[in-house]
Amino acid sequence: MPKRSNLFQKVMTHIYGQMVPIGAQVIESAMVQERQTGQEREVDILIVQQVEGNEFRTGVEVRGRTAVDDVTWIDCMIGKYIDLSIHRKVAVSRSGFSKGARAKAAVYGIETKTLQQVLTTD
């Protein structure tokens, strides 16, 4: 699968690159192998860092659409990440999330963030 990106993803990659601890890697359009099949899946932004001697991986999926993102995107993330070695999952939407999307994401351990929330992160 070819690497894919867009301006919003590039901007988010830059922002996350400024927020991570020294030594962490921020990789745009990272290809991550599924545990069971070995098939590669694209993660919009992969953050890899060492935590107490162990590798900790954060996957960030981003959407720059003008419409509020609904539960369908969260369902897709659940399916995509179920077999990836990713410890923390984050969905970033430029326009926000529906109530149902936020609720389902919370149940499945996916953090939801709007562009505004990312920009105001300390």
PDB file of N, CA and C in Angstrom:
ATOM      1  N   MET A   1       0.852  -1.184   0.000  1.00  0.00           N
ATOM      2  CA  MET A   1       0.000   0.000   0.000  1.00  0.00           C
ATOM      3  C   MET A   1       0.890   1.237   0.000  1.00  0.00           C
ATOM      4  N   PRO A   2       0.644   2.156  -0.906  1.00  0.00           N
ATOM      5  CA  PRO A   2       1.473   3.364  -0.932  1.00  0.00           C
ATOM      6  C   PRO A   2       1.186   4.252   0.276  1.00  0.00           C
ATOM      7  N   LYS A   3       2.193   5.006   0.643  1.00  0.00           N
ATOM      8  CA  LYS A   3       1.994   5.960   1.730  1.00  0.00           C
ATOM      9  C   LYS A   3       1.046   7.049   1.256  1.00  0.00           C
ATOM     10  N   ARG A   4       0.129   7.414   2.136  1.00  0.00           N
ATOM     11  CA  ARG A   4      -0.829   8.462   1.803  1.00  0.00           C
ATOM     12  C   ARG A   4      -0.752   9.540   2.868  1.00  0.00           C
ATOM     13  N   SER A   5      -0.989  10.757   2.436  1.00  0.00           N
ATOM     14  CA  SER A   5      -0.974  11.861   3.380  1.00  0.00           C
ATOM     15  C   SER A   5      -1.784  13.004   2.790  1.00  0.00           C
ATOM     16  N   ASN A   6      -2.037  13.985   3.619  1.00  0.00           N
ATOM     17  CA  ASN A   6      -2.683  15.211   3.170  1.00  0.00           C
ATOM     18  C   ASN A   6      -2.165  16.335   4.061  1.00  0.00           C
ATOM     19  N   LEU A   7      -2.556  17.541   3.754  1.00  0.00           N
ATOM     20  CA  LEU A   7      -2.041  18.689   4.491  1.00  0.00           C
ATOM     21  C   LEU A   7      -2.375  18.612   5.984  1.00  0.00           C
ATOM     22  N   PHE A   8      -3.612  18.224   6.313  1.00  0.00           N
ATOM     23  CA  PHE A   8      -3.997  18.144   7.722  1.00  0.00           C
ATOM     24  C   PHE A   8      -3.133  17.117   8.458  1.00  0.00           C
ATOM     25  N   GLN A   9      -2.881  15.981   7.829  1.00  0.00           N
ATOM     26  CA  GLN A   9      -2.040  14.956   8.445  1.00  0.00           C
ATOM     27  C   GLN A   9      -0.615  15.476   8.630  1.00  0.00           C
ATOM     28  N   LYS A  10      -0.091  16.191   7.660  1.00  0.00           N
ATOM     29  CA  LYS A  10       1.254  16.744   7.773  1.00  0.00           C
ATOM     30  C   LYS A  10       1.336  17.760   8.924  1.00  0.00           C
ATOM     31  N   VAL A  11       0.310  18.600   9.048  1.00  0.00           N
ATOM     32  CA  VAL A  11       0.275  19.580  10.130  1.00  0.00           C
ATOM     33  C   VAL A  11       0.210  18.877  11.487  1.00  0.00           C
ATOM     34  N   MET A  12      -0.633  17.858  11.600  1.00  0.00           N
ATOM     35  CA  MET A  12      -0.753  17.120  12.870  1.00  0.00           C
ATOM     36  C   MET A  12       0.551  16.397  13.203  1.00  0.00           C
ATOM     37  N   THR A  13       1.219  15.867  12.183  1.00  0.00           N
ATOM     38  CA  THR A  13       2.509  15.213  12.421  1.00  0.00           C
ATOM     39  C   THR A  13       3.504  16.216  12.997  1.00  0.00           C
ATOM     40  N   HIS A  14       3.528  17.409  12.431  1.00  0.00           N
ATOM     41  CA  HIS A  14       4.436  18.451  12.936  1.00  0.00           C
ATOM     42  C   HIS A  14       4.082  18.828  14.380  1.00  0.00           C
ATOM     43  N   ILE A  15       2.803  19.010  14.653  1.00  0.00           N
ATOM     44  CA  ILE A  15       2.378  19.388  16.009  1.00  0.00           C
ATOM     45  C   ILE A  15       2.748  18.298  17.010  1.00  0.00           C
ATOM     46  N   TYR A  16       2.436  17.045  16.690  1.00  0.00           N
ATOM     47  CA  TYR A  16       2.788  15.957  17.612  1.00  0.00           C
ATOM     48  C   TYR A  16       4.301  15.836  17.761  1.00  0.00           C
ATOM     49  N   GLY A  17       5.033  16.140  16.704  1.00  0.00           N
ATOM     50  CA  GLY A  17       6.489  16.124  16.798  1.00  0.00           C
ATOM     51  C   GLY A  17       7.029  17.121  17.804  1.00  0.00           C
ATOM     52  N   GLN A  18       6.313  18.215  18.011  1.00  0.00           N
ATOM     53  CA  GLN A  18       6.707  19.230  18.984  1.00  0.00           C
ATOM     54  C   GLN A  18       6.300  18.856  20.407  1.00  0.00           C
ATOM     55  N   MET A  19       5.345  17.939  20.550  1.00  0.00           N
ATOM     56  CA  MET A  19       4.797  17.621  21.875  1.00  0.00           C
ATOM     57  C   MET A  19       5.446  16.409  22.538  1.00  0.00           C
ATOM     58  N   VAL A  20       6.091  15.551  21.768  1.00  0.00           N
ATOM     59  CA  VAL A  20       6.611  14.306  22.333  1.00  0.00           C
ATOM     60  C   VAL A  20       7.901  14.541  23.103  1.00  0.00           C
ATOM     61  N   PRO A  21       8.215  13.624  24.015  1.00  0.00           N
ATOM     62  CA  PRO A  21       9.476  13.751  24.756  1.00  0.00           C
ATOM     63  C   PRO A  21      10.687  13.607  23.833  1.00  0.00           C
ATOM     64  N   ILE A  22      11.800  14.138  24.269  1.00  0.00           N
ATOM     65  CA  ILE A  22      13.051  14.000  23.524  1.00  0.00           C
ATOM     66  C   ILE A  22      13.354  12.514  23.370  1.00  0.00           C
ATOM     67  N   GLY A  23      13.725  12.133  22.171  1.00  0.00           N
ATOM     68  CA  GLY A  23      14.066  10.734  21.896  1.00  0.00           C
ATOM     69  C   GLY A  23      12.929   9.939  21.274  1.00  0.00           C
ATOM     70  N   ALA A  24      11.710  10.460  21.358  1.00  0.00           N
ATOM     71  CA  ALA A  24      10.582   9.766  20.746  1.00  0.00           C
ATOM     72  C   ALA A  24      10.620   9.977  19.238  1.00  0.00           C
ATOM     73  N   GLN A  25      10.144   8.992  18.493  1.00  0.00           N
ATOM     74  CA  GLN A  25      10.061   9.093  17.040  1.00  0.00           C
ATOM     75  C   GLN A  25       8.614   9.383  16.654  1.00  0.00           C
ATOM     76  N   VAL A  26       8.438  10.284  15.704  1.00  0.00           N
ATOM     77  CA  VAL A  26       7.119  10.579  15.147  1.00  0.00           C
ATOM     78  C   VAL A  26       7.206  10.263  13.661  1.00  0.00           C
ATOM     79  N   ILE A  27       6.417   9.287  13.218  1.00  0.00           N
ATOM     80  CA  ILE A  27       6.509   8.791  11.853  1.00  0.00           C
ATOM     81  C   ILE A  27       5.166   8.987  11.157  1.00  0.00           C
ATOM     82  N   GLU A  28       5.190   9.736  10.073  1.00  0.00           N
ATOM     83  CA  GLU A  28       3.969   9.955   9.294  1.00  0.00           C
ATOM     84  C   GLU A  28       3.753   8.783   8.345  1.00  0.00           C
ATOM     85  N   SER A  29       2.508   8.361   8.197  1.00  0.00           N
ATOM     86  CA  SER A  29       2.124   7.265   7.303  1.00  0.00           C
ATOM     87  C   SER A  29       2.973   6.020   7.546  1.00  0.00           C
ATOM     88  N   ALA A  30       3.086   5.624   8.808  1.00  0.00           N
ATOM     89  CA  ALA A  30       3.882   4.453   9.177  1.00  0.00           C
ATOM     90  C   ALA A  30       3.150   3.170   8.797  1.00  0.00           C
ATOM     91  N   MET A  31       3.895   2.211   8.303  1.00  0.00           N
ATOM     92  CA  MET A  31       3.333   0.911   7.986  1.00  0.00           C
ATOM     93  C   MET A  31       3.612  -0.019   9.167  1.00  0.00           C
ATOM     94  N   VAL A  32       2.538  -0.573   9.744  1.00  0.00           N
ATOM     95  CA  VAL A  32       2.631  -1.427  10.927  1.00  0.00           C
ATOM     96  C   VAL A  32       2.033  -2.784  10.575  1.00  0.00           C
ATOM     97  N   GLN A  33       2.749  -3.851  10.916  1.00  0.00           N
ATOM     98  CA  GLN A  33       2.276  -5.198  10.592  1.00  0.00           C
ATOM     99  C   GLN A  33       1.228  -5.684  11.581  1.00  0.00           C
ATOM    100  N   GLU A  34       0.187  -6.326  11.045  1.00  0.00           N
ATOM    101  CA  GLU A  34      -0.792  -7.002  11.890  1.00  0.00           C
ATOM    102  C   GLU A  34      -0.114  -8.210  12.543  1.00  0.00           C
ATOM    103  N   ARG A  35      -0.471  -8.480  13.788  1.00  0.00           N
ATOM    104  CA  ARG A  35       0.142  -9.589  14.517  1.00  0.00           C
ATOM    105  C   ARG A  35      -0.192 -10.944  13.889  1.00  0.00           C
ATOM    106  N   GLN A  36      -1.426 -11.158  13.506  1.00  0.00           N
ATOM    107  CA  GLN A  36      -1.856 -12.470  13.032  1.00  0.00           C
ATOM    108  C   GLN A  36      -1.515 -12.751  11.573  1.00  0.00           C
ATOM    109  N   THR A  37      -1.696 -11.767  10.704  1.00  0.00           N
ATOM    110  CA  THR A  37      -1.539 -12.020   9.270  1.00  0.00           C
ATOM    111  C   THR A  37      -0.233 -11.506   8.687  1.00  0.00           C
ATOM    112  N   GLY A  38       0.421 -10.588   9.371  1.00  0.00           N
ATOM    113  CA  GLY A  38       1.632  -9.985   8.839  1.00  0.00           C
ATOM    114  C   GLY A  38       1.356  -8.907   7.806  1.00  0.00           C
ATOM    115  N   GLN A  39       0.076  -8.677   7.501  1.00  0.00           N
ATOM    116  CA  GLN A  39      -0.298  -7.638   6.542  1.00  0.00           C
ATOM    117  C   GLN A  39       0.042  -6.266   7.117  1.00  0.00           C
ATOM    118  N   GLU A  40       0.533  -5.387   6.240  1.00  0.00           N
ATOM    119  CA  GLU A  40       0.872  -4.042   6.695  1.00  0.00           C
ATOM    120  C   GLU A  40      -0.330  -3.130   6.603  1.00  0.00           C
ATOM    121  N   ARG A  41      -0.501  -2.313   7.652  1.00  0.00           N
ATOM    122  CA  ARG A  41      -1.578  -1.328   7.713  1.00  0.00           C
ATOM    123  C   ARG A  41      -0.955   0.036   7.930  1.00  0.00           C
ATOM    124  N   GLU A  42      -1.520   1.040   7.289  1.00  0.00           N
ATOM    125  CA  GLU A  42      -1.002   2.393   7.453  1.00  0.00           C
ATOM    126  C   GLU A  42      -1.600   3.052   8.690  1.00  0.00           C
ATOM    127  N   VAL A  43      -0.740   3.634   9.493  1.00  0.00           N
ATOM    128  CA  VAL A  43      -1.142   4.436  10.644  1.00  0.00           C
ATOM    129  C   VAL A  43      -0.764   5.870  10.286  1.00  0.00           C
ATOM    130  N   ASP A  44      -1.736   6.785  10.380  1.00  0.00           N
ATOM    131  CA  ASP A  44      -1.471   8.163   9.962  1.00  0.00           C
ATOM    132  C   ASP A  44      -0.232   8.726  10.642  1.00  0.00           C
ATOM    133  N   ILE A  45      -0.181   8.621  11.967  1.00  0.00           N
ATOM    134  CA  ILE A  45       0.978   9.093  12.727  1.00  0.00           C
ATOM    135  C   ILE A  45       1.297   8.042  13.783  1.00  0.00           C
ATOM    136  N   LEU A  46       2.515   7.553  13.774  1.00  0.00           N
ATOM    137  CA  LEU A  46       2.966   6.589  14.771  1.00  0.00           C
ATOM    138  C   LEU A  46       4.010   7.265  15.645  1.00  0.00           C
ATOM    139  N   ILE A  47       3.784   7.224  16.946  1.00  0.00           N
ATOM    140  CA  ILE A  47       4.746   7.779  17.904  1.00  0.00           C
ATOM    141  C   ILE A  47       5.344   6.605  18.668  1.00  0.00           C
ATOM    142  N   VAL A  48       6.658   6.485  18.622  1.00  0.00           N
ATOM    143  CA  VAL A  48       7.359   5.388  19.291  1.00  0.00           C
ATOM    144  C   VAL A  48       8.296   5.996  20.316  1.00  0.00           C
ATOM    145  N   GLN A  49       8.151   5.541  21.548  1.00  0.00           N
ATOM    146  CA  GLN A  49       9.027   6.048  22.610  1.00  0.00           C
ATOM    147  C   GLN A  49       9.337   4.934  23.595  1.00  0.00           C
ATOM    148  N   GLN A  50      10.408   5.121  24.332  1.00  0.00           N
ATOM    149  CA  GLN A  50      10.798   4.176  25.362  1.00  0.00           C
ATOM    150  C   GLN A  50      10.200   4.621  26.692  1.00  0.00           C
ATOM    151  N   VAL A  51       9.500   3.707  27.350  1.00  0.00           N
ATOM    152  CA  VAL A  51       8.916   3.969  28.665  1.00  0.00           C
ATOM    153  C   VAL A  51       9.390   2.864  29.598  1.00  0.00           C
ATOM    154  N   GLU A  52      10.209   3.233  30.566  1.00  0.00           N
ATOM    155  CA  GLU A  52      10.771   2.286  31.526  1.00  0.00           C
ATOM    156  C   GLU A  52      11.401   1.084  30.830  1.00  0.00           C
ATOM    157  N   GLY A  53      12.134   1.349  29.753  1.00  0.00           N
ATOM    158  CA  GLY A  53      12.848   0.298  29.042  1.00  0.00           C
ATOM    159  C   GLY A  53      12.019  -0.487  28.038  1.00  0.00           C
ATOM    160  N   ASN A  54      10.755  -0.160  27.894  1.00  0.00           N
ATOM    161  CA  ASN A  54       9.885  -0.854  26.946  1.00  0.00           C
ATOM    162  C   ASN A  54       9.423   0.102  25.856  1.00  0.00           C
ATOM    163  N   GLU A  55       9.248  -0.447  24.650  1.00  0.00           N
ATOM    164  CA  GLU A  55       8.739   0.375  23.561  1.00  0.00           C
ATOM    165  C   GLU A  55       7.247   0.597  23.733  1.00  0.00           C
ATOM    166  N   PHE A  56       6.829   1.857  23.670  1.00  0.00           N
ATOM    167  CA  PHE A  56       5.425   2.240  23.793  1.00  0.00           C
ATOM    168  C   PHE A  56       5.030   2.920  22.494  1.00  0.00           C
ATOM    169  N   ARG A  57       3.945   2.423  21.877  1.00  0.00           N
ATOM    170  CA  ARG A  57       3.534   2.921  20.572  1.00  0.00           C
ATOM    171  C   ARG A  57       2.157   3.569  20.650  1.00  0.00           C
ATOM    172  N   THR A  58       2.081   4.773  20.109  1.00  0.00           N
ATOM    173  CA  THR A  58       0.821   5.497  20.014  1.00  0.00           C
ATOM    174  C   THR A  58       0.463   5.646  18.547  1.00  0.00           C
ATOM    175  N   GLY A  59      -0.749   5.281  18.198  1.00  0.00           N
ATOM    176  CA  GLY A  59      -1.247   5.470  16.848  1.00  0.00           C
ATOM    177  C   GLY A  59      -2.231   6.620  16.831  1.00  0.00           C
ATOM    178  N   VAL A  60      -2.019   7.558  15.929  1.00  0.00           N
ATOM    179  CA  VAL A  60      -2.895   8.720  15.811  1.00  0.00           C
ATOM    180  C   VAL A  60      -3.506   8.709  14.415  1.00  0.00           C
ATOM    181  N   GLU A  61      -4.822   8.680  14.346  1.00  0.00           N
ATOM    182  CA  GLU A  61      -5.530   8.782  13.076  1.00  0.00           C
ATOM    183  C   GLU A  61      -6.130  10.176  13.010  1.00  0.00           C
ATOM    184  N   VAL A  62      -6.044  10.824  11.866  1.00  0.00           N
ATOM    185  CA  VAL A  62      -6.510  12.204  11.745  1.00  0.00           C
ATOM    186  C   VAL A  62      -7.480  12.343  10.580  1.00  0.00           C
ATOM    187  N   ARG A  63      -8.428  13.237  10.765  1.00  0.00           N
ATOM    188  CA  ARG A  63      -9.379  13.583   9.703  1.00  0.00           C
ATOM    189  C   ARG A  63      -9.584  15.081   9.685  1.00  0.00           C
ATOM    190  N   GLY A  64      -9.433  15.660   8.510  1.00  0.00           N
ATOM    191  CA  GLY A  64      -9.567  17.102   8.360  1.00  0.00           C
ATOM    192  C   GLY A  64     -10.862  17.506   7.681  1.00  0.00           C
ATOM    193  N   ARG A  65     -11.891  16.726   7.809  1.00  0.00           N
ATOM    194  CA  ARG A  65     -13.172  17.014   7.156  1.00  0.00           C
ATOM    195  C   ARG A  65     -13.899  18.169   7.837  1.00  0.00           C
ATOM    196  N   THR A  66     -14.831  18.751   7.102  1.00  0.00           N
ATOM    197  CA  THR A  66     -15.611  19.851   7.677  1.00  0.00           C
ATOM    198  C   THR A  66     -16.814  19.342   8.466  1.00  0.00           C
ATOM    199  N   ALA A  67     -17.272  18.130   8.186  1.00  0.00           N
ATOM    200  CA  ALA A  67     -18.415  17.561   8.910  1.00  0.00           C
ATOM    201  C   ALA A  67     -17.940  16.878  10.189  1.00  0.00           C
ATOM    202  N   VAL A  68     -18.803  16.857  11.180  1.00  0.00           N
ATOM    203  CA  VAL A  68     -18.514  16.157  12.432  1.00  0.00           C
ATOM    204  C   VAL A  68     -18.341  14.676  12.129  1.00  0.00           C
ATOM    205  N   ASP A  69     -17.315  14.057  12.700  1.00  0.00           N
ATOM    206  CA  ASP A  69     -17.070  12.636  12.473  1.00  0.00           C
ATOM    207  C   ASP A  69     -17.985  11.798  13.353  1.00  0.00           C
ATOM    208  N   ASP A  70     -18.543  10.741  12.749  1.00  0.00           N
ATOM    209  CA  ASP A  70     -19.517   9.926  13.469  1.00  0.00           C
ATOM    210  C   ASP A  70     -18.935   8.571  13.867  1.00  0.00           C
ATOM    211  N   VAL A  71     -19.788   7.725  14.382  1.00  0.00           N
ATOM    212  CA  VAL A  71     -19.380   6.435  14.924  1.00  0.00           C
ATOM    213  C   VAL A  71     -18.779   5.520  13.856  1.00  0.00           C
ATOM    214  N   THR A  72     -19.084   5.741  12.603  1.00  0.00           N
ATOM    215  CA  THR A  72     -18.545   4.898  11.531  1.00  0.00           C
ATOM    216  C   THR A  72     -17.020   4.943  11.514  1.00  0.00           C
ATOM    217  N   TRP A  73     -16.440   6.123  11.689  1.00  0.00           N
ATOM    218  CA  TRP A  73     -14.978   6.236  11.709  1.00  0.00           C
ATOM    219  C   TRP A  73     -14.403   5.479  12.908  1.00  0.00           C
ATOM    220  N   ILE A  74     -15.049   5.589  14.042  1.00  0.00           N
ATOM    221  CA  ILE A  74     -14.583   4.879  15.237  1.00  0.00           C
ATOM    222  C   ILE A  74     -14.657   3.373  14.999  1.00  0.00           C
ATOM    223  N   ASP A  75     -15.755   2.901  14.395  1.00  0.00           N
ATOM    224  CA  ASP A  75     -15.868   1.476  14.063  1.00  0.00           C
ATOM    225  C   ASP A  75     -14.708   1.026  13.183  1.00  0.00           C
ATOM    226  N   CYS A  76     -14.355   1.829  12.197  1.00  0.00           N
ATOM    227  CA  CYS A  76     -13.232   1.508  11.310  1.00  0.00           C
ATOM    228  C   CYS A  76     -11.921   1.442  12.090  1.00  0.00           C
ATOM    229  N   MET A  77     -11.735   2.365  13.021  1.00  0.00           N
ATOM    230  CA  MET A  77     -10.514   2.348  13.829  1.00  0.00           C
ATOM    231  C   MET A  77     -10.440   1.100  14.696  1.00  0.00           C
ATOM    232  N   ILE A  78     -11.564   0.713  15.280  1.00  0.00           N
ATOM    233  CA  ILE A  78     -11.588  -0.492  16.119  1.00  0.00           C
ATOM    234  C   ILE A  78     -11.134  -1.687  15.294  1.00  0.00           C
ATOM    235  N   GLY A  79     -11.698  -1.834  14.096  1.00  0.00           N
ATOM    236  CA  GLY A  79     -11.329  -2.943  13.230  1.00  0.00           C
ATOM    237  C   GLY A  79      -9.880  -2.895  12.788  1.00  0.00           C
ATOM    238  N   LYS A  80      -9.400  -1.725  12.491  1.00  0.00           N
ATOM    239  CA  LYS A  80      -8.028  -1.556  12.019  1.00  0.00           C
ATOM    240  C   LYS A  80      -7.008  -1.852  13.113  1.00  0.00           C
ATOM    241  N   TYR A  81      -7.268  -1.375  14.311  1.00  0.00           N
ATOM    242  CA  TYR A  81      -6.276  -1.456  15.390  1.00  0.00           C
ATOM    243  C   TYR A  81      -6.353  -2.731  16.217  1.00  0.00           C
ATOM    244  N   ILE A  82      -7.370  -3.551  16.006  1.00  0.00           N
ATOM    245  CA  ILE A  82      -7.554  -4.728  16.851  1.00  0.00           C
ATOM    246  C   ILE A  82      -6.363  -5.681  16.797  1.00  0.00           C
ATOM    247  N   ASP A  83      -5.664  -5.708  15.669  1.00  0.00           N
ATOM    248  CA  ASP A  83      -4.560  -6.648  15.499  1.00  0.00           C
ATOM    249  C   ASP A  83      -3.209  -5.955  15.329  1.00  0.00           C
ATOM    250  N   LEU A  84      -3.143  -4.677  15.703  1.00  0.00           N
ATOM    251  CA  LEU A  84      -1.873  -3.953  15.623  1.00  0.00           C
ATOM    252  C   LEU A  84      -1.265  -3.802  17.017  1.00  0.00           C
ATOM    253  N   SER A  85       0.037  -3.845  17.091  1.00  0.00           N
ATOM    254  CA  SER A  85       0.740  -3.665  18.368  1.00  0.00           C
ATOM    255  C   SER A  85       0.855  -2.172  18.663  1.00  0.00           C
ATOM    256  N   ILE A  86      -0.266  -1.596  19.036  1.00  0.00           N
ATOM    257  CA  ILE A  86      -0.356  -0.175  19.372  1.00  0.00           C
ATOM    258  C   ILE A  86      -0.939  -0.083  20.783  1.00  0.00           C
ATOM    259  N   HIS A  87      -0.277   0.643  21.665  1.00  0.00           N
ATOM    260  CA  HIS A  87      -0.706   0.720  23.054  1.00  0.00           C
ATOM    261  C   HIS A  87      -1.741   1.803  23.313  1.00  0.00           C
ATOM    262  N   ARG A  88      -1.623   2.900  22.612  1.00  0.00           N
ATOM    263  CA  ARG A  88      -2.529   4.036  22.815  1.00  0.00           C
ATOM    264  C   ARG A  88      -3.056   4.461  21.451  1.00  0.00           C
ATOM    265  N   LYS A  89      -4.362   4.695  21.385  1.00  0.00           N
ATOM    266  CA  LYS A  89      -4.998   5.067  20.129  1.00  0.00           C
ATOM    267  C   LYS A  89      -5.667   6.428  20.288  1.00  0.00           C
ATOM    268  N   VAL A  90      -5.414   7.311  19.310  1.00  0.00           N
ATOM    269  CA  VAL A  90      -5.957   8.664  19.357  1.00  0.00           C
ATOM    270  C   VAL A  90      -6.602   8.972  18.009  1.00  0.00           C
ATOM    271  N   ALA A  91      -7.811   9.510  18.040  1.00  0.00           N
ATOM    272  CA  ALA A  91      -8.486   9.990  16.834  1.00  0.00           C
ATOM    273  C   ALA A  91      -8.569  11.509  16.933  1.00  0.00           C
ATOM    274  N   VAL A  92      -8.062  12.195  15.911  1.00  0.00           N
ATOM    275  CA  VAL A  92      -8.098  13.658  15.884  1.00  0.00           C
ATOM    276  C   VAL A  92      -8.972  14.099  14.722  1.00  0.00           C
ATOM    277  N   SER A  93     -10.014  14.863  15.046  1.00  0.00           N
ATOM    278  CA  SER A  93     -10.933  15.371  14.036  1.00  0.00           C
ATOM    279  C   SER A  93     -10.884  16.889  14.018  1.00  0.00           C
ATOM    280  N   ARG A  94     -10.758  17.441  12.833  1.00  0.00           N
ATOM    281  CA  ARG A  94     -10.754  18.902  12.711  1.00  0.00           C
ATOM    282  C   ARG A  94     -12.068  19.493  13.187  1.00  0.00           C
ATOM    283  N   SER A  95     -13.173  18.793  12.945  1.00  0.00           N
ATOM    284  CA  SER A  95     -14.495  19.372  13.217  1.00  0.00           C
ATOM    285  C   SER A  95     -15.215  18.764  14.417  1.00  0.00           C
ATOM    286  N   GLY A  96     -14.624  17.789  15.076  1.00  0.00           N
ATOM    287  CA  GLY A  96     -15.255  17.212  16.258  1.00  0.00           C
ATOM    288  C   GLY A  96     -15.918  15.877  15.987  1.00  0.00           C
ATOM    289  N   PHE A  97     -16.561  15.346  17.032  1.00  0.00           N
ATOM    290  CA  PHE A  97     -17.152  14.019  17.002  1.00  0.00           C
ATOM    291  C   PHE A  97     -18.612  14.068  17.432  1.00  0.00           C
ATOM    292  N   SER A  98     -19.400  13.168  16.883  1.00  0.00           N
ATOM    293  CA  SER A  98     -20.777  13.026  17.352  1.00  0.00           C
ATOM    294  C   SER A  98     -20.746  12.417  18.754  1.00  0.00           C
ATOM    295  N   LYS A  99     -21.842  12.555  19.462  1.00  0.00           N
ATOM    296  CA  LYS A  99     -21.945  11.999  20.814  1.00  0.00           C
ATOM    297  C   LYS A  99     -21.733  10.490  20.781  1.00  0.00           C
ATOM    298  N   GLY A 100     -22.323   9.824  19.789  1.00  0.00           N
ATOM    299  CA  GLY A 100     -22.177   8.374  19.659  1.00  0.00           C
ATOM    300  C   GLY A 100     -20.739   7.966  19.390  1.00  0.00           C
ATOM    301  N   ALA A 101     -20.037   8.746  18.570  1.00  0.00           N
ATOM    302  CA  ALA A 101     -18.635   8.449  18.275  1.00  0.00           C
ATOM    303  C   ALA A 101     -17.784   8.571  19.532  1.00  0.00           C
ATOM    304  N   ARG A 102     -18.008   9.628  20.305  1.00  0.00           N
ATOM    305  CA  ARG A 102     -17.239   9.812  21.554  1.00  0.00           C
ATOM    306  C   ARG A 102     -17.518   8.676  22.531  1.00  0.00           C
ATOM    307  N   ALA A 103     -18.773   8.272  22.631  1.00  0.00           N
ATOM    308  CA  ALA A 103     -19.147   7.207  23.573  1.00  0.00           C
ATOM    309  C   ALA A 103     -18.497   5.880  23.181  1.00  0.00           C
ATOM    310  N   LYS A 104     -18.576   5.524  21.908  1.00  0.00           N
ATOM    311  CA  LYS A 104     -18.003   4.246  21.475  1.00  0.00           C
ATOM    312  C   LYS A 104     -16.487   4.268  21.585  1.00  0.00           C
ATOM    313  N   ALA A 105     -15.876   5.379  21.234  1.00  0.00           N
ATOM    314  CA  ALA A 105     -14.428   5.492  21.354  1.00  0.00           C
ATOM    315  C   ALA A 105     -13.987   5.277  22.802  1.00  0.00           C
ATOM    316  N   ALA A 106     -14.714   5.849  23.732  1.00  0.00           N
ATOM    317  CA  ALA A 106     -14.371   5.703  25.146  1.00  0.00           C
ATOM    318  C   ALA A 106     -14.439   4.232  25.578  1.00  0.00           C
ATOM    319  N   VAL A 107     -15.441   3.523  25.119  1.00  0.00           N
ATOM    320  CA  VAL A 107     -15.598   2.104  25.468  1.00  0.00           C
ATOM    321  C   VAL A 107     -14.404   1.292  24.965  1.00  0.00           C
ATOM    322  N   TYR A 108     -13.890   1.643  23.785  1.00  0.00           N
ATOM    323  CA  TYR A 108     -12.799   0.883  23.176  1.00  0.00           C
ATOM    324  C   TYR A 108     -11.420   1.497  23.406  1.00  0.00           C
ATOM    325  N   GLY A 109     -11.328   2.447  24.304  1.00  0.00           N
ATOM    326  CA  GLY A 109     -10.021   3.005  24.673  1.00  0.00           C
ATOM    327  C   GLY A 109      -9.386   3.885  23.625  1.00  0.00           C
ATOM    328  N   ILE A 110     -10.205   4.519  22.791  1.00  0.00           N
ATOM    329  CA  ILE A 110      -9.690   5.438  21.779  1.00  0.00           C
ATOM    330  C   ILE A 110      -9.919   6.858  22.282  1.00  0.00           C
ATOM    331  N   GLU A 111      -8.851   7.623  22.407  1.00  0.00           N
ATOM    332  CA  GLU A 111      -8.981   9.014  22.823  1.00  0.00           C
ATOM    333  C   GLU A 111      -9.471   9.833  21.635  1.00  0.00           C
ATOM    334  N   THR A 112     -10.437  10.697  21.863  1.00  0.00           N
ATOM    335  CA  THR A 112     -10.911  11.588  20.804  1.00  0.00           C
ATOM    336  C   THR A 112     -10.461  13.005  21.123  1.00  0.00           C
ATOM    337  N   LYS A 113      -9.907  13.654  20.108  1.00  0.00           N
ATOM    338  CA  LYS A 113      -9.434  15.028  20.275  1.00  0.00           C
ATOM    339  C   LYS A 113      -9.841  15.836  19.050  1.00  0.00           C
ATOM    340  N   THR A 114     -10.231  17.059  19.293  1.00  0.00           N
ATOM    341  CA  THR A 114     -10.496  17.979  18.197  1.00  0.00           C
ATOM    342  C   THR A 114      -9.199  18.726  17.885  1.00  0.00           C
ATOM    343  N   LEU A 115      -9.171  19.374  16.759  1.00  0.00           N
ATOM    344  CA  LEU A 115      -8.013  20.196  16.403  1.00  0.00           C
ATOM    345  C   LEU A 115      -7.748  21.219  17.502  1.00  0.00           C
ATOM    346  N   GLN A 116      -8.803  21.863  17.984  1.00  0.00           N
ATOM    347  CA  GLN A 116      -8.644  22.863  19.027  1.00  0.00           C
ATOM    348  C   GLN A 116      -8.011  22.280  20.291  1.00  0.00           C
ATOM    349  N   GLN A 117      -8.422  21.081  20.671  1.00  0.00           N
ATOM    350  CA  GLN A 117      -7.844  20.439  21.863  1.00  0.00           C
ATOM    351  C   GLN A 117      -6.360  20.145  21.664  1.00  0.00           C
ATOM    352  N   VAL A 118      -5.993  19.694  20.485  1.00  0.00           N
ATOM    353  CA  VAL A 118      -4.582  19.424  20.205  1.00  0.00           C
ATOM    354  C   VAL A 118      -3.778  20.718  20.264  1.00  0.00           C
ATOM    355  N   LEU A 119      -4.318  21.769  19.678  1.00  0.00           N
ATOM    356  CA  LEU A 119      -3.589  23.050  19.647  1.00  0.00           C
ATOM    357  C   LEU A 119      -3.406  23.662  21.026  1.00  0.00           C
ATOM    358  N   THR A 120      -4.297  23.363  21.956  1.00  0.00           N
ATOM    359  CA  THR A 120      -4.203  23.946  23.293  1.00  0.00           C
ATOM    360  C   THR A 120      -3.571  22.992  24.320  1.00  0.00           C
ATOM    361  N   THR A 121      -3.033  21.870  23.843  1.00  0.00           N
ATOM    362  CA  THR A 121      -2.363  20.926  24.747  1.00  0.00           C
ATOM    363  C   THR A 121      -1.091  21.561  25.261  1.00  0.00           C
ATOM    364  N   ASP A 122      -0.907  21.474  26.564  1.00  0.00           N
ATOM    365  CA  ASP A 122       0.267  22.064  27.192  1.00  0.00           C
ATOM    366  C   ASP A 122       1.478  21.160  27.022  1.00  0.00           C
TER     367      ASP A 122
END
